[in-house]
Amino acid sequence: MRLQLLKYAGRLRASFWFLPSLMATGAIAAAFGMVALDQGVTDKWVRALGWAYSGGAQGASAVLQTIAGSMITIAGVVFSLTLVALSLASSQFGSRLLRSFMRDTMTQVVLGTFVATFLYCLLVLRTIRRAEESLFVPHLSVTLGVVFAIASLWVLIYFIHHVAVSIQADEIVARVGENLAAGIDRLFPEQTTRGSALSTDDAAGAGMPSSFETEAETVESKGDGYLQIIDMDALVLLARQESAVFRIERRPGQYVIRDHPLVSVWPAGHVTEALDARINAAFVLGNQRTSAQDIEFDVQELVEIAVRALSPGINDPFTAIVCVDRLGSALSRLVRRDTPSPYRLDGEGQLRVIAPPADFAGIVDSAFNQIRQYARTSVGVTLRLLEAIAAVADAAGSDERRVALQRHADMVVRGAREALPESQDRLAVEERYGEATKRMRRHTTRA
């Protein structure tokens, strides 16, 4: 249940209706509250305040009608600007980035501001009575409506600026890069148990049953979709209750097929229908990947922007270079972190869950493979790829990770040798490749 709530909370955050609906509800409450306050305020108090609206019923109606009509008109303009921005982002950078735009709190607040002001003025307007025997003018409510209108104008000006900035390629790439850096800090914390080079001794030290492969029984998935979130604490608690060891067969971000293995349970004989249901409840599947526990999701967003920029229809190598810079920065942060151990222990130190994490070499493959393939004929992007690889290698703390980086540098230079017709371009690539290789070998020798 908790995972489903987290899933729905993520959907609400990326919706254009939830926050505006909350603001509209607040406007309705404010309208009723201000009208109730106005009913207890006399004209003498209004005149004493000085700044409050002090006109008659006809003037109050005209003010509120003007504000309400203009607010709903501007709300339509804001919706149109938002859809234009979404269309541009989708065609230029890919539809997967739309979620990033839809999670933009500023856009949601702007939409909510105009809708809330419209509703407030509409509800206050209906309380004005012009009959002499029952005359009622909500002076304070009208004053607050004017304040809302002034604030809405400022919000509109800022929104135009915000849209103009948010659709710039560098800003979009920077936003995705910041999400990637935050994901690395969350999923690869600085203080972890090293698990990047696991051996048989490591597994035995963690209490891995020697008969796991032969005696384990599988639990199959009850649905299809991308694995978004795994409730690891729930699995550890469940394994402890069953005196069992679970091995998770799929990582977050991978596609899960119905009736295919999801978890292996040791020893055999523990799996029942109830346990099967509880294990499946600890996994959240969806129609799309998310960055909650999937570090490669943000990596692939940057890769998609770079690949689209390198396509013949767009031909924008400068945006691809910006993506490579962000990927190099993220990998330089990641390469300093130890890969989290796949072994999860309970409070008594007993092994309960085995959850293989994403490894550094796989993340590097996701970051560089497609860009390298599409950038074979682009000298600028090829040179920047080699520079990024060298920068990451400078921060690498193990030879194993430098080997993975060297493999990509070798593939980059081989592609350039085959695809670049100009000898001087090939020479520039060779020089940059030589510098990168020299730096990796120097660090290897020191290690």
Protein backbone atom coordinates (compact mmCIF):
# COMPACT_ATOMS: atom_id res chain seq x y z
CA MET A 1 0.00 0.00 0.00
CA ARG A 2 2.81 2.42 0.89
CA LEU A 3 4.48 1.88 -2.48
CA GLN A 4 1.22 2.46 -4.32
CA LEU A 5 0.78 5.72 -2.42
CA LEU A 6 4.28 6.77 -3.44
CA LYS A 7 3.46 5.91 -7.03
CA TYR A 8 0.25 7.94 -7.00
CA ALA A 9 2.03 10.82 -5.23
CA GLY A 10 4.52 10.91 -8.10
CA ARG A 11 1.68 11.00 -10.60
CA LEU A 12 -0.01 13.85 -8.73
CA ARG A 13 3.23 15.80 -8.70
CA ALA A 14 3.48 15.45 -12.48
CA SER A 15 -0.13 16.51 -13.12
CA PHE A 16 -1.51 19.87 -14.20
CA TRP A 17 -4.73 19.46 -12.22
CA PHE A 18 -3.80 18.56 -8.65
CA LEU A 19 -2.10 21.73 -7.38
CA PRO A 20 -4.48 24.05 -9.29
CA SER A 21 -7.38 22.09 -7.77
CA LEU A 22 -5.97 22.62 -4.28
CA MET A 23 -5.56 26.33 -4.98
CA ALA A 24 -9.11 26.52 -6.33
CA THR A 25 -10.39 24.83 -3.18
CA GLY A 26 -8.49 27.37 -1.11
CA ALA A 27 -10.03 30.19 -3.14
CA ILE A 28 -13.52 28.83 -2.46
CA ALA A 29 -12.78 28.70 1.27
CA ALA A 30 -11.33 32.22 1.16
CA ALA A 31 -14.43 33.53 -0.61
CA PHE A 32 -16.82 32.16 2.00
CA GLY A 33 -14.54 33.25 4.84
CA MET A 34 -14.15 36.82 3.57
CA VAL A 35 -17.87 37.20 2.92
CA ALA A 36 -18.57 36.01 6.48
CA LEU A 37 -16.06 38.57 7.74
CA ASP A 38 -17.69 41.30 5.65
CA GLN A 39 -21.07 40.55 7.20
CA GLY A 40 -19.70 41.59 10.59
CA VAL A 41 -17.94 44.74 9.37
CA THR A 42 -19.78 48.09 9.24
CA ASP A 43 -19.30 50.88 6.73
CA LYS A 44 -17.69 52.94 9.48
CA TRP A 45 -14.92 50.36 9.83
CA VAL A 46 -14.40 50.28 6.05
CA ARG A 47 -14.01 54.06 5.90
CA ALA A 48 -11.63 53.95 8.86
CA LEU A 49 -9.37 51.45 7.11
CA GLY A 50 -8.82 53.80 4.19
CA TRP A 51 -7.30 51.24 1.84
CA ALA A 52 -10.39 49.02 1.53
CA TYR A 53 -12.86 49.27 -1.33
CA SER A 54 -15.57 51.73 -0.31
CA GLY A 55 -17.73 51.98 -3.46
CA GLY A 56 -21.29 50.85 -3.96
CA ALA A 57 -22.83 47.59 -5.09
CA GLN A 58 -22.76 48.45 -8.78
CA GLY A 59 -19.07 49.38 -8.69
CA ALA A 60 -18.20 46.23 -6.72
CA SER A 61 -20.01 44.09 -9.30
CA ALA A 62 -18.18 45.80 -12.15
CA VAL A 63 -14.79 45.28 -10.48
CA LEU A 64 -15.39 41.60 -9.78
CA GLN A 65 -16.83 40.95 -13.25
CA THR A 66 -13.83 42.60 -14.87
CA ILE A 67 -11.37 40.60 -12.79
CA ALA A 68 -13.19 37.30 -13.29
CA GLY A 69 -13.48 37.77 -17.06
CA SER A 70 -9.85 38.76 -17.47
CA MET A 71 -8.60 35.92 -15.25
CA ILE A 72 -10.37 33.18 -17.20
CA THR A 73 -9.12 34.72 -20.46
CA ILE A 74 -5.53 34.83 -19.21
CA ALA A 75 -5.89 31.27 -17.90
CA GLY A 76 -6.67 30.19 -21.45
CA VAL A 77 -3.58 32.02 -22.70
CA VAL A 78 -1.45 30.33 -20.05
CA PHE A 79 -2.79 26.90 -21.03
CA SER A 80 -1.98 27.69 -24.68
CA LEU A 81 1.58 28.79 -23.83
CA THR A 82 2.05 25.65 -21.76
CA LEU A 83 0.88 23.38 -24.58
CA VAL A 84 3.16 25.18 -27.05
CA ALA A 85 6.12 24.69 -24.72
CA LEU A 86 5.24 21.01 -24.28
CA SER A 87 4.95 20.54 -28.05
CA LEU A 88 8.32 22.18 -28.66
CA ALA A 89 9.98 20.12 -25.94
CA SER A 90 8.45 16.89 -27.20
CA SER A 91 9.53 17.42 -30.82
CA GLN A 92 12.97 18.77 -30.01
CA PHE A 93 14.06 16.75 -26.98
CA GLY A 94 11.74 13.74 -26.77
CA SER A 95 8.40 12.94 -25.19
CA ARG A 96 10.01 11.45 -22.06
CA LEU A 97 11.04 14.93 -20.98
CA LEU A 98 7.41 16.00 -20.79
CA ARG A 99 7.22 14.62 -17.26
CA SER A 100 9.99 17.00 -16.25
CA PHE A 101 7.98 19.94 -17.61
CA MET A 102 4.76 18.69 -16.01
CA ARG A 103 6.51 18.43 -12.63
CA ASP A 104 7.42 22.11 -12.87
CA THR A 105 5.79 23.60 -9.78
CA MET A 106 5.90 27.13 -11.18
CA THR A 107 3.68 26.22 -14.14
CA GLN A 108 1.19 24.50 -11.85
CA VAL A 109 1.11 27.50 -9.50
CA VAL A 110 0.50 29.88 -12.41
CA LEU A 111 -2.43 27.82 -13.68
CA GLY A 112 -3.82 27.57 -10.18
CA THR A 113 -3.44 31.32 -9.56
CA PHE A 114 -5.68 32.36 -12.43
CA VAL A 115 -8.27 29.65 -11.87
CA ALA A 116 -8.39 30.38 -8.13
CA THR A 117 -8.75 34.14 -8.68
CA PHE A 118 -11.56 33.54 -11.17
CA LEU A 119 -13.45 31.29 -8.75
CA TYR A 120 -12.94 33.68 -5.85
CA CYS A 121 -14.35 36.65 -7.75
CA LEU A 122 -17.25 34.60 -9.09
CA LEU A 123 -18.27 33.41 -5.63
CA VAL A 124 -17.97 36.84 -4.06
CA LEU A 125 -19.91 38.39 -6.94
CA ARG A 126 -22.97 36.25 -6.23
CA THR A 127 -23.22 37.64 -2.66
CA ILE A 128 -23.66 41.29 -3.70
CA ARG A 129 -27.22 42.52 -3.15
CA ARG A 130 -28.41 45.79 -4.68
CA ALA A 131 -31.93 46.00 -3.25
CA GLU A 132 -32.20 48.95 -0.88
CA GLU A 133 -33.82 46.94 1.90
CA SER A 134 -31.16 44.20 1.75
CA LEU A 135 -28.12 46.06 0.39
CA PHE A 136 -24.84 44.16 0.92
CA VAL A 137 -21.44 45.10 -0.47
CA PRO A 138 -18.52 42.84 0.62
CA HIS A 139 -15.94 45.61 0.79
CA LEU A 140 -13.09 43.54 2.21
CA SER A 141 -13.79 40.66 -0.18
CA VAL A 142 -13.67 43.01 -3.19
CA THR A 143 -10.42 44.49 -1.89
CA LEU A 144 -8.87 41.03 -1.62
CA GLY A 145 -10.06 40.29 -5.17
CA VAL A 146 -8.19 43.36 -6.41
CA VAL A 147 -5.07 42.19 -4.54
CA PHE A 148 -5.40 38.76 -6.20
CA ALA A 149 -5.70 40.47 -9.60
CA ILE A 150 -2.54 42.51 -9.07
CA ALA A 151 -0.65 39.41 -7.91
CA SER A 152 -1.93 37.51 -10.95
CA LEU A 153 -0.48 40.15 -13.30
CA TRP A 154 2.92 39.75 -11.66
CA VAL A 155 2.61 35.96 -11.93
CA LEU A 156 1.78 36.28 -15.65
CA ILE A 157 4.88 38.40 -16.32
CA TYR A 158 7.08 35.96 -14.44
CA PHE A 159 5.50 32.98 -16.22
CA ILE A 160 6.37 34.40 -19.64
CA HIS A 161 9.97 34.78 -18.48
CA HIS A 162 9.91 31.28 -16.97
CA VAL A 163 8.66 29.67 -20.19
CA ALA A 164 11.25 31.51 -22.28
CA VAL A 165 14.01 30.21 -20.01
CA SER A 166 12.69 26.69 -19.45
CA ILE A 167 12.57 25.71 -23.14
CA GLN A 168 16.22 26.60 -23.75
CA ALA A 169 18.31 23.53 -24.48
CA ASP A 170 21.01 24.31 -21.94
CA GLU A 171 18.44 24.82 -19.19
CA ILE A 172 16.69 21.54 -19.98
CA VAL A 173 19.97 19.63 -20.01
CA ALA A 174 21.03 21.30 -16.75
CA ARG A 175 17.74 20.33 -15.08
CA VAL A 176 18.11 16.69 -16.12
CA GLY A 177 21.76 16.75 -15.05
CA GLU A 178 20.77 18.03 -11.61
CA ASN A 179 18.21 15.24 -11.29
CA LEU A 180 20.91 12.74 -12.25
CA ALA A 181 23.33 14.12 -9.66
CA ALA A 182 20.61 13.97 -7.00
CA GLY A 183 19.85 10.38 -7.99
CA ILE A 184 23.51 9.42 -7.64
CA ASP A 185 23.65 10.95 -4.17
CA ARG A 186 20.47 9.09 -3.20
CA LEU A 187 21.21 5.66 -4.68
CA PHE A 188 25.01 5.67 -4.33
CA PRO A 189 25.69 7.36 -0.98
CA GLU A 190 29.27 8.17 -0.09
CA GLN A 191 29.37 5.76 2.85
CA THR A 192 28.49 2.32 1.49
CA THR A 193 29.76 -1.22 1.66
CA ARG A 194 31.90 -1.98 -1.33
CA GLY A 195 30.25 -4.44 -3.67
CA SER A 196 31.75 -3.62 -7.03
CA ALA A 197 33.93 -6.72 -7.24
CA LEU A 198 32.05 -9.46 -5.47
CA SER A 199 33.63 -12.86 -5.19
CA THR A 200 32.62 -16.23 -3.80
CA ASP A 201 34.27 -15.32 -0.50
CA ASP A 202 32.19 -12.13 -0.29
CA ALA A 203 29.02 -14.14 -0.80
CA ALA A 204 30.02 -16.70 1.80
CA GLY A 205 30.92 -13.94 4.25
CA ALA A 206 27.45 -12.48 3.86
CA GLY A 207 25.90 -15.85 4.65
CA MET A 208 24.95 -16.84 1.12
CA PRO A 209 23.60 -20.43 1.18
CA SER A 210 25.82 -22.70 -0.90
CA SER A 211 22.77 -24.63 -2.14
CA PHE A 212 20.87 -21.53 -3.24
CA GLU A 213 21.13 -22.16 -6.98
CA THR A 214 19.92 -25.76 -6.76
CA GLU A 215 17.26 -25.45 -4.05
CA ALA A 216 15.72 -22.00 -4.60
CA GLU A 217 12.11 -21.73 -5.74
CA THR A 218 10.91 -18.89 -7.96
CA VAL A 219 8.07 -16.44 -7.46
CA GLU A 220 6.65 -15.16 -10.75
CA SER A 221 5.41 -11.71 -11.58
CA LYS A 222 1.65 -11.13 -11.58
CA GLY A 223 1.81 -8.30 -14.10
CA ASP A 224 3.67 -6.71 -16.97
CA GLY A 225 5.48 -3.38 -16.97
CA TYR A 226 8.61 -1.51 -16.02
CA LEU A 227 9.84 -2.13 -12.50
CA GLN A 228 9.65 1.29 -10.82
CA ILE A 229 10.07 0.76 -7.08
CA ILE A 230 11.07 -2.13 -4.80
CA ASP A 231 10.12 -1.99 -1.12
CA MET A 232 13.35 -3.46 0.22
CA ASP A 233 12.43 -3.05 3.88
CA ALA A 234 9.22 -5.01 3.38
CA LEU A 235 11.11 -7.83 1.63
CA VAL A 236 13.73 -8.01 4.40
CA LEU A 237 10.99 -8.17 7.04
CA LEU A 238 9.07 -10.80 5.08
CA ALA A 239 12.18 -12.94 4.56
CA ARG A 240 12.93 -12.75 8.27
CA GLN A 241 9.40 -13.84 9.14
CA GLU A 242 9.74 -16.80 6.77
CA SER A 243 13.35 -17.60 7.82
CA ALA A 244 14.22 -17.47 4.14
CA VAL A 245 16.57 -15.73 1.72
CA PHE A 246 15.20 -13.83 -1.29
CA ARG A 247 17.12 -13.01 -4.45
CA ILE A 248 15.55 -10.33 -6.63
CA GLU A 249 15.83 -11.28 -10.29
CA ARG A 250 15.03 -7.90 -11.86
CA ARG A 251 16.43 -4.42 -11.24
CA PRO A 252 14.44 -1.16 -11.18
CA GLY A 253 14.13 0.10 -14.74
CA GLN A 254 13.99 -3.34 -16.32
CA TYR A 255 10.86 -4.64 -18.00
CA VAL A 256 9.03 -7.39 -16.14
CA ILE A 257 6.98 -9.96 -18.07
CA ARG A 258 3.99 -11.64 -16.50
CA ASP A 259 4.63 -15.20 -15.25
CA HIS A 260 8.41 -14.70 -15.48
CA PRO A 261 10.72 -15.05 -12.43
CA LEU A 262 10.65 -12.06 -10.11
CA VAL A 263 12.19 -13.41 -6.91
CA SER A 264 13.99 -16.63 -6.02
CA VAL A 265 13.21 -17.97 -2.53
CA TRP A 266 15.50 -20.27 -0.51
CA PRO A 267 14.89 -22.85 0.79
CA ALA A 268 12.25 -24.47 -1.36
CA GLY A 269 8.85 -25.17 0.11
CA HIS A 270 8.29 -21.71 1.58
CA VAL A 271 6.36 -20.33 -1.36
CA THR A 272 2.61 -20.23 -0.80
CA GLU A 273 -0.13 -18.21 -2.41
CA ALA A 274 -0.05 -15.76 0.49
CA LEU A 275 3.73 -15.34 0.29
CA ASP A 276 3.52 -15.01 -3.49
CA ALA A 277 1.01 -12.16 -3.13
CA ARG A 278 3.03 -10.37 -0.43
CA ILE A 279 6.21 -10.56 -2.48
CA ASN A 280 4.47 -9.18 -5.57
CA ALA A 281 3.01 -6.37 -3.45
CA ALA A 282 6.56 -5.18 -2.70
CA PHE A 283 7.13 -4.42 -6.40
CA VAL A 284 5.56 -1.47 -8.22
CA LEU A 285 5.19 -1.85 -11.99
CA GLY A 286 4.22 0.89 -14.42
CA ASN A 287 3.96 1.81 -18.07
CA GLN A 288 7.14 3.87 -17.99
CA ARG A 289 10.45 4.06 -16.21
CA THR A 290 10.98 6.49 -13.34
CA SER A 291 14.05 7.86 -11.57
CA ALA A 292 12.92 6.79 -8.08
CA GLN A 293 15.34 3.81 -7.93
CA ASP A 294 16.59 3.72 -11.54
CA ILE A 295 19.78 5.74 -12.02
CA GLU A 296 19.93 4.87 -15.71
CA PHE A 297 16.62 6.63 -16.37
CA ASP A 298 18.12 10.12 -16.03
CA VAL A 299 21.23 8.96 -17.90
CA GLN A 300 19.08 7.88 -20.82
CA GLU A 301 17.18 11.17 -20.79
CA LEU A 302 20.46 12.99 -21.41
CA VAL A 303 21.41 10.42 -24.03
CA GLU A 304 18.07 10.87 -25.81
CA ILE A 305 18.56 14.65 -25.98
CA ALA A 306 22.07 14.17 -27.38
CA VAL A 307 21.00 11.56 -29.95
CA ARG A 308 18.11 13.72 -31.15
CA ALA A 309 20.47 16.69 -31.43
CA LEU A 310 22.79 14.61 -33.62
CA SER A 311 20.00 13.46 -35.96
CA PRO A 312 20.08 14.89 -39.53
CA GLY A 313 16.74 16.60 -38.99
CA ILE A 314 18.04 18.70 -36.08
CA ASN A 315 21.83 18.67 -36.57
CA ASP A 316 22.71 20.43 -33.30
CA PRO A 317 26.07 19.10 -32.09
CA PHE A 318 26.37 21.89 -29.51
CA THR A 319 23.45 20.50 -27.52
CA ALA A 320 25.00 17.04 -27.75
CA ILE A 321 28.27 18.46 -26.37
CA VAL A 322 26.38 19.97 -23.42
CA CYS A 323 24.84 16.53 -22.73
CA VAL A 324 28.26 14.90 -22.84
CA ASP A 325 29.57 17.49 -20.37
CA ARG A 326 26.72 16.73 -17.97
CA LEU A 327 27.25 12.98 -18.34
CA GLY A 328 30.95 13.40 -17.67
CA SER A 329 30.18 15.43 -14.55
CA ALA A 330 27.72 12.83 -13.28
CA LEU A 331 30.05 9.90 -13.97
CA SER A 332 32.91 11.74 -12.23
CA ARG A 333 30.67 11.91 -9.17
CA LEU A 334 29.60 8.29 -9.52
CA VAL A 335 33.07 6.86 -10.07
CA ARG A 336 34.11 8.06 -6.60
CA ARG A 337 31.31 6.07 -4.96
CA ASP A 338 31.38 2.41 -4.03
CA THR A 339 28.71 0.24 -5.57
CA PRO A 340 26.23 -0.66 -2.81
CA SER A 341 26.45 -4.23 -1.60
CA PRO A 342 23.76 -6.52 -3.02
CA TYR A 343 23.33 -8.17 0.38
CA ARG A 344 20.61 -6.92 2.75
CA LEU A 345 20.80 -8.14 6.35
CA ASP A 346 18.17 -8.10 9.06
CA GLY A 347 18.61 -6.64 12.53
CA GLU A 348 20.38 -9.80 13.70
CA GLY A 349 22.95 -9.75 10.89
CA GLN A 350 21.38 -12.59 8.93
CA LEU A 351 21.30 -12.42 5.13
CA ARG A 352 17.72 -11.94 3.94
CA VAL A 353 17.66 -10.29 0.51
CA ILE A 354 20.06 -10.26 -2.44
CA ALA A 355 19.45 -7.31 -4.76
CA PRO A 356 22.07 -6.95 -7.51
CA PRO A 357 22.66 -3.19 -8.06
CA ALA A 358 23.45 -1.35 -11.26
CA ASP A 359 27.18 -1.59 -11.87
CA PHE A 360 29.48 1.19 -13.05
CA ALA A 361 30.35 -0.47 -16.35
CA GLY A 362 26.67 -0.84 -17.26
CA ILE A 363 25.95 2.80 -16.46
CA VAL A 364 28.91 3.90 -18.57
CA ASP A 365 27.58 1.79 -21.44
CA SER A 366 24.17 3.49 -21.12
CA ALA A 367 25.85 6.91 -21.10
CA PHE A 368 28.26 6.57 -24.01
CA ASN A 369 27.18 3.79 -26.37
CA GLN A 370 24.45 5.52 -28.37
CA ILE A 371 26.13 8.93 -28.37
CA ARG A 372 29.32 7.32 -29.63
CA GLN A 373 27.45 5.53 -32.40
CA TYR A 374 25.62 8.64 -33.62
CA ALA A 375 28.61 10.97 -33.21
CA ARG A 376 31.05 9.08 -35.40
CA THR A 377 30.98 11.80 -38.05
CA SER A 378 30.96 14.72 -35.59
CA VAL A 379 34.47 15.80 -34.69
CA GLY A 380 33.38 18.15 -31.90
CA VAL A 381 31.27 15.57 -30.08
CA THR A 382 33.90 12.86 -30.56
CA LEU A 383 36.60 15.06 -29.03
CA ARG A 384 34.35 15.96 -26.12
CA LEU A 385 33.56 12.28 -25.52
CA LEU A 386 37.26 11.52 -25.17
CA GLU A 387 37.71 14.51 -22.86
CA ALA A 388 34.81 13.34 -20.69
CA ILE A 389 36.20 9.81 -20.51
CA ALA A 390 39.61 11.16 -19.47
CA ALA A 391 38.02 13.40 -16.80
CA VAL A 392 36.09 10.46 -15.34
CA ALA A 393 39.24 8.33 -15.38
CA ASP A 394 41.06 10.98 -13.32
CA ALA A 395 38.50 10.45 -10.55
CA ALA A 396 38.37 6.64 -10.84
CA GLY A 397 39.66 4.80 -7.81
CA SER A 398 39.97 1.29 -9.28
CA ASP A 399 41.63 -0.25 -12.31
CA GLU A 400 38.41 -2.14 -13.10
CA ARG A 401 36.55 1.10 -13.72
CA ARG A 402 39.40 2.57 -15.75
CA VAL A 403 39.31 -0.56 -17.93
CA ALA A 404 35.63 0.11 -18.66
CA LEU A 405 36.46 3.71 -19.59
CA GLN A 406 39.42 2.62 -21.75
CA ARG A 407 37.13 0.26 -23.64
CA HIS A 408 34.87 3.15 -24.59
CA ALA A 409 37.81 5.35 -25.58
CA ASP A 410 39.00 2.57 -27.88
CA MET A 411 35.56 2.27 -29.49
CA VAL A 412 35.33 6.05 -29.96
CA VAL A 413 38.64 6.26 -31.79
CA ARG A 414 37.91 3.22 -33.94
CA GLY A 415 34.62 4.76 -35.03
CA ALA A 416 36.35 8.05 -35.86
CA ARG A 417 39.00 6.28 -37.94
CA GLU A 418 36.30 4.65 -40.04
CA ALA A 419 33.86 7.59 -40.36
CA LEU A 420 35.95 10.79 -40.57
CA PRO A 421 37.17 11.45 -44.13
CA GLU A 422 39.45 14.39 -43.28
CA SER A 423 42.96 13.38 -42.14
CA GLN A 424 43.39 16.42 -39.90
CA ASP A 425 40.17 15.55 -38.08
CA ARG A 426 41.38 12.02 -37.52
CA LEU A 427 44.72 13.37 -36.29
CA ALA A 428 42.94 15.59 -33.73
CA VAL A 429 40.97 12.61 -32.49
CA GLU A 430 44.10 10.48 -32.26
CA GLU A 431 45.86 13.16 -30.22
CA ARG A 432 42.96 13.47 -27.81
CA TYR A 433 42.74 9.69 -27.55
CA GLY A 434 46.46 9.49 -26.80
CA GLU A 435 46.11 12.05 -24.01
CA ALA A 436 43.17 10.18 -22.50
CA THR A 437 44.99 6.83 -22.65
CA LYS A 438 48.12 8.32 -21.13
CA ARG A 439 46.15 9.73 -18.20
CA MET A 440 44.39 6.42 -17.58
CA ARG A 441 47.66 4.49 -17.67
CA ARG A 442 49.33 7.00 -15.35
CA HIS A 443 46.59 6.53 -12.76
CA THR A 444 46.78 2.75 -13.18
CA THR A 445 50.53 2.78 -12.60
CA ARG A 446 50.12 4.90 -9.45
CA ALA A 447 47.43 2.58 -8.15
